[in-house]
Amino acid sequence: MILDQLAIKYGTDKSSLHHNYCRVYEFYFQFYKDKAIQLLEIGTGGYRFANKGGESLRMWCEYFKYGKVISVDLYDKSGIVIPANGKFYQGSQTDEVFLKSISVQRHDIIIDDGSHINPLTIDTFNIAFQLLKSGGIYVIEDCHTSYWSAVATDGTDFKGGTHEGTVMNYFKGLCDEINLNDDLQIRSIHFYKQMIFIFKK
């Protein structure tokens, strides 16, 4: 797989050496590979360090060589290497004004590899899905945090996945909405291990 080779080359945890996300990504993204798409990835990696992160940004830039890749992170990333077809913006993933300001045109693909905090991930989806093109793909990574017993930033204990406020339970609920609400802008939702793909009408 070309994408997995690039993931290993750049050291991103999306590769088969870690989460093994690239197998699923390439299944859907191969049709976009040689097109002038725009991809927004939330979460640049490297935590608080300005000179760390950007592994998946560089991977996407090489894979979508005719496309534009935008990376967003809460922390400064002024010290990382960014390819010519890449762009970094510092800001919060739940800041609607900020996300709209960097979305001059709607995105073909949006990937949330940001905080992985359940309420923030849900809030981000409700903001950023509006910025996705019709027919576009929205991806949420690392959904296993829905099953952690850790307490959320607002004090909610997610009780190992049984709480209604988890990412997984939220999107399982949207599966019902797809069948009940003709006005919903979601065509389908695909679940994979630790990943959710949401397809816009």
Protein backbone atom coordinates (compact mmCIF):
# COMPACT_ATOMS: atom_id res chain seq x y z
CA MET A 1 0.00 0.00 0.00
CA ILE A 2 1.40 3.36 -1.05
CA LEU A 3 -0.14 5.29 1.84
CA ASP A 4 1.19 2.93 4.49
CA GLN A 5 4.67 3.16 3.00
CA LEU A 6 4.46 6.94 3.28
CA ALA A 7 3.16 6.69 6.85
CA ILE A 8 6.17 4.57 7.80
CA LYS A 9 8.51 6.92 5.91
CA TYR A 10 7.30 9.95 7.88
CA GLY A 11 6.81 8.16 11.19
CA THR A 12 3.11 8.78 11.74
CA ASP A 13 1.19 6.46 14.07
CA LYS A 14 -1.39 5.92 11.32
CA SER A 15 0.89 3.26 9.80
CA SER A 16 0.67 -0.52 10.10
CA LEU A 17 3.40 -0.28 12.75
CA HIS A 18 0.91 1.34 15.13
CA HIS A 19 -2.83 2.01 14.61
CA ASN A 20 -2.95 0.57 11.06
CA TYR A 21 -5.35 3.26 9.82
CA CYS A 22 -3.79 3.58 6.36
CA ARG A 23 -5.33 0.34 5.14
CA VAL A 24 -8.79 1.83 5.62
CA TYR A 25 -7.76 5.29 4.45
CA GLU A 26 -6.39 4.05 1.15
CA PHE A 27 -9.58 2.10 0.45
CA TYR A 28 -11.53 5.38 0.42
CA PHE A 29 -8.90 7.94 -0.53
CA GLN A 30 -7.31 6.23 -3.55
CA PHE A 31 -9.99 7.83 -5.74
CA TYR A 32 -8.83 11.30 -4.62
CA LYS A 33 -5.10 10.61 -4.92
CA ASP A 34 -4.37 12.44 -8.18
CA LYS A 35 -6.98 15.16 -7.81
CA ALA A 36 -6.66 18.76 -6.63
CA ILE A 37 -8.52 18.17 -3.38
CA GLN A 38 -8.41 20.09 -0.11
CA LEU A 39 -7.90 18.16 3.12
CA LEU A 40 -8.21 19.58 6.62
CA GLU A 41 -6.60 17.63 9.44
CA ILE A 42 -7.30 18.68 13.00
CA GLY A 43 -4.33 17.82 15.20
CA THR A 44 -0.73 18.24 14.01
CA GLY A 45 0.93 16.10 16.67
CA GLY A 46 3.96 16.77 18.82
CA TYR A 47 1.95 18.00 21.81
CA ARG A 48 3.18 21.39 23.16
CA PHE A 49 6.51 21.33 21.31
CA ALA A 50 6.85 23.83 18.45
CA ASN A 51 9.45 21.71 16.64
CA LYS A 52 7.61 18.36 16.92
CA GLY A 53 4.70 16.95 14.94
CA GLY A 54 3.61 17.22 11.33
CA GLU A 55 4.25 13.57 10.43
CA SER A 56 0.81 12.95 8.95
CA LEU A 57 0.76 16.45 7.39
CA ARG A 58 3.85 15.50 5.38
CA MET A 59 2.38 12.10 4.54
CA TRP A 60 -0.85 13.61 3.21
CA CYS A 61 1.06 16.25 1.25
CA GLU A 62 3.02 13.59 -0.61
CA TYR A 63 0.04 11.30 -1.13
CA PHE A 64 -2.20 14.12 -2.41
CA LYS A 65 0.57 15.76 -4.42
CA TYR A 66 -1.91 17.81 -6.47
CA GLY A 67 -3.97 18.74 -3.45
CA LYS A 68 -3.80 21.22 -0.59
CA VAL A 69 -3.41 19.99 2.99
CA ILE A 70 -4.31 22.20 5.95
CA SER A 71 -3.26 21.22 9.46
CA VAL A 72 -4.67 22.77 12.63
CA ASP A 73 -3.40 22.52 16.19
CA LEU A 74 -3.93 24.30 19.48
CA TYR A 75 -0.17 24.70 19.90
CA ASP A 76 2.45 26.61 17.92
CA LYS A 77 4.19 24.46 15.29
CA SER A 78 6.50 27.08 13.80
CA GLY A 79 9.49 24.72 14.04
CA ILE A 80 8.17 21.86 11.88
CA VAL A 81 8.84 21.16 8.21
CA ILE A 82 5.80 21.91 6.03
CA PRO A 83 5.75 20.92 2.32
CA ALA A 84 4.84 23.45 -0.36
CA ASN A 85 1.27 22.15 -0.68
CA GLY A 86 0.75 22.19 3.09
CA LYS A 87 -0.35 24.93 5.48
CA PHE A 88 -0.48 25.16 9.27
CA TYR A 89 -2.84 27.28 11.37
CA GLN A 90 -2.80 27.58 15.16
CA GLY A 91 -6.19 27.58 16.85
CA SER A 92 -8.80 25.62 18.75
CA GLN A 93 -10.71 22.81 17.07
CA THR A 94 -13.96 24.02 18.66
CA ASP A 95 -13.54 27.68 17.69
CA GLU A 96 -16.18 28.08 14.98
CA VAL A 97 -15.00 31.53 13.90
CA PHE A 98 -11.42 30.27 13.54
CA LEU A 99 -12.36 27.14 11.56
CA LYS A 100 -14.56 29.13 9.21
CA SER A 101 -11.81 31.73 8.71
CA ILE A 102 -9.34 29.13 7.40
CA SER A 103 -11.95 27.42 5.23
CA VAL A 104 -12.02 29.82 2.29
CA GLN A 105 -13.38 26.92 0.25
CA ARG A 106 -15.11 23.80 1.53
CA HIS A 107 -12.97 20.74 2.18
CA ASP A 108 -13.15 17.40 0.36
CA ILE A 109 -11.86 15.54 3.41
CA ILE A 110 -11.76 16.46 7.10
CA ILE A 111 -9.89 14.29 9.63
CA ASP A 112 -10.22 14.83 13.37
CA ASP A 113 -7.01 13.58 14.98
CA GLY A 114 -7.16 16.30 17.61
CA SER A 115 -7.94 16.18 21.31
CA HIS A 116 -9.80 12.81 21.35
CA ILE A 117 -11.80 14.23 24.25
CA ASN A 118 -15.38 13.04 23.73
CA PRO A 119 -17.32 16.32 24.09
CA LEU A 120 -14.72 18.28 22.10
CA THR A 121 -14.78 15.72 19.28
CA ILE A 122 -18.58 15.92 19.08
CA ASP A 123 -18.55 19.73 19.17
CA THR A 124 -15.87 19.79 16.46
CA PHE A 125 -17.97 17.57 14.21
CA ASN A 126 -21.02 19.79 14.58
CA ILE A 127 -18.94 22.81 13.57
CA ALA A 128 -16.62 21.37 10.92
CA PHE A 129 -19.13 19.12 9.10
CA GLN A 130 -20.69 22.34 7.80
CA LEU A 131 -17.32 23.14 6.16
CA LEU A 132 -17.24 19.85 4.21
CA LYS A 133 -18.23 19.69 0.54
CA SER A 134 -21.27 17.77 -0.60
CA GLY A 135 -20.01 14.23 -1.22
CA GLY A 136 -17.08 14.77 1.14
CA ILE A 137 -15.71 12.48 3.84
CA TYR A 138 -15.34 13.32 7.55
CA VAL A 139 -13.15 10.98 9.63
CA ILE A 140 -12.75 10.69 13.39
CA GLU A 141 -9.72 8.82 14.68
CA ASP A 142 -8.96 7.14 18.02
CA CYS A 143 -12.56 6.42 19.01
CA HIS A 144 -11.33 3.97 21.64
CA THR A 145 -11.34 6.93 24.03
CA SER A 146 -15.11 6.30 24.20
CA TYR A 147 -14.32 3.23 26.29
CA TRP A 148 -11.88 4.78 28.71
CA SER A 149 -13.12 5.23 32.25
CA ALA A 150 -11.32 8.55 32.50
CA VAL A 151 -13.22 11.64 33.55
CA ALA A 152 -13.81 14.24 30.83
CA THR A 153 -12.86 17.91 31.09
CA ASP A 154 -16.40 18.78 32.19
CA GLY A 155 -16.34 16.20 34.98
CA THR A 156 -18.30 13.51 33.13
CA ASP A 157 -17.29 9.92 33.88
CA PHE A 158 -17.81 7.99 30.62
CA LYS A 159 -18.01 4.68 32.52
CA GLY A 160 -16.15 2.57 29.99
CA GLY A 161 -18.36 3.45 27.02
CA THR A 162 -21.86 3.18 28.48
CA HIS A 163 -22.40 6.93 28.87
CA GLU A 164 -24.55 8.55 26.14
CA GLY A 165 -22.01 11.37 25.75
CA THR A 166 -19.27 9.24 24.18
CA VAL A 167 -18.28 9.72 20.55
CA MET A 168 -19.27 6.15 19.69
CA ASN A 169 -22.73 6.44 21.26
CA TYR A 170 -23.30 9.83 19.64
CA PHE A 171 -22.61 8.48 16.15
CA LYS A 172 -24.50 5.25 16.75
CA GLY A 173 -27.45 7.52 17.54
CA LEU A 174 -26.94 9.34 14.23
CA CYS A 175 -27.44 6.01 12.46
CA ASP A 176 -31.06 6.16 13.64
CA GLU A 177 -31.31 9.77 12.48
CA ILE A 178 -30.21 8.80 8.96
CA ASN A 179 -33.33 6.62 8.70
CA LEU A 180 -35.68 8.98 10.51
CA ASN A 181 -34.67 12.41 9.20
CA ASP A 182 -34.59 13.02 5.45
CA ASP A 183 -33.09 16.48 6.03
CA LEU A 184 -29.98 15.11 7.72
CA GLN A 185 -26.93 15.87 5.55
CA ILE A 186 -25.35 12.46 6.24
CA ARG A 187 -25.50 9.80 3.53
CA SER A 188 -23.85 7.00 5.53
CA ILE A 189 -21.63 6.24 8.53
CA HIS A 190 -18.98 3.52 8.44
CA PHE A 191 -17.42 2.19 11.64
CA TYR A 192 -13.97 0.61 11.83
CA LYS A 193 -11.73 -0.26 14.74
CA GLN A 194 -10.97 3.10 16.40
CA MET A 195 -12.27 5.04 13.35
CA ILE A 196 -15.56 6.51 12.09
CA PHE A 197 -16.16 7.66 8.50
CA ILE A 198 -19.11 10.00 7.92
CA PHE A 199 -20.15 10.64 4.29
CA LYS A 200 -21.95 13.86 3.43
CA LYS A 201 -24.86 13.97 0.96
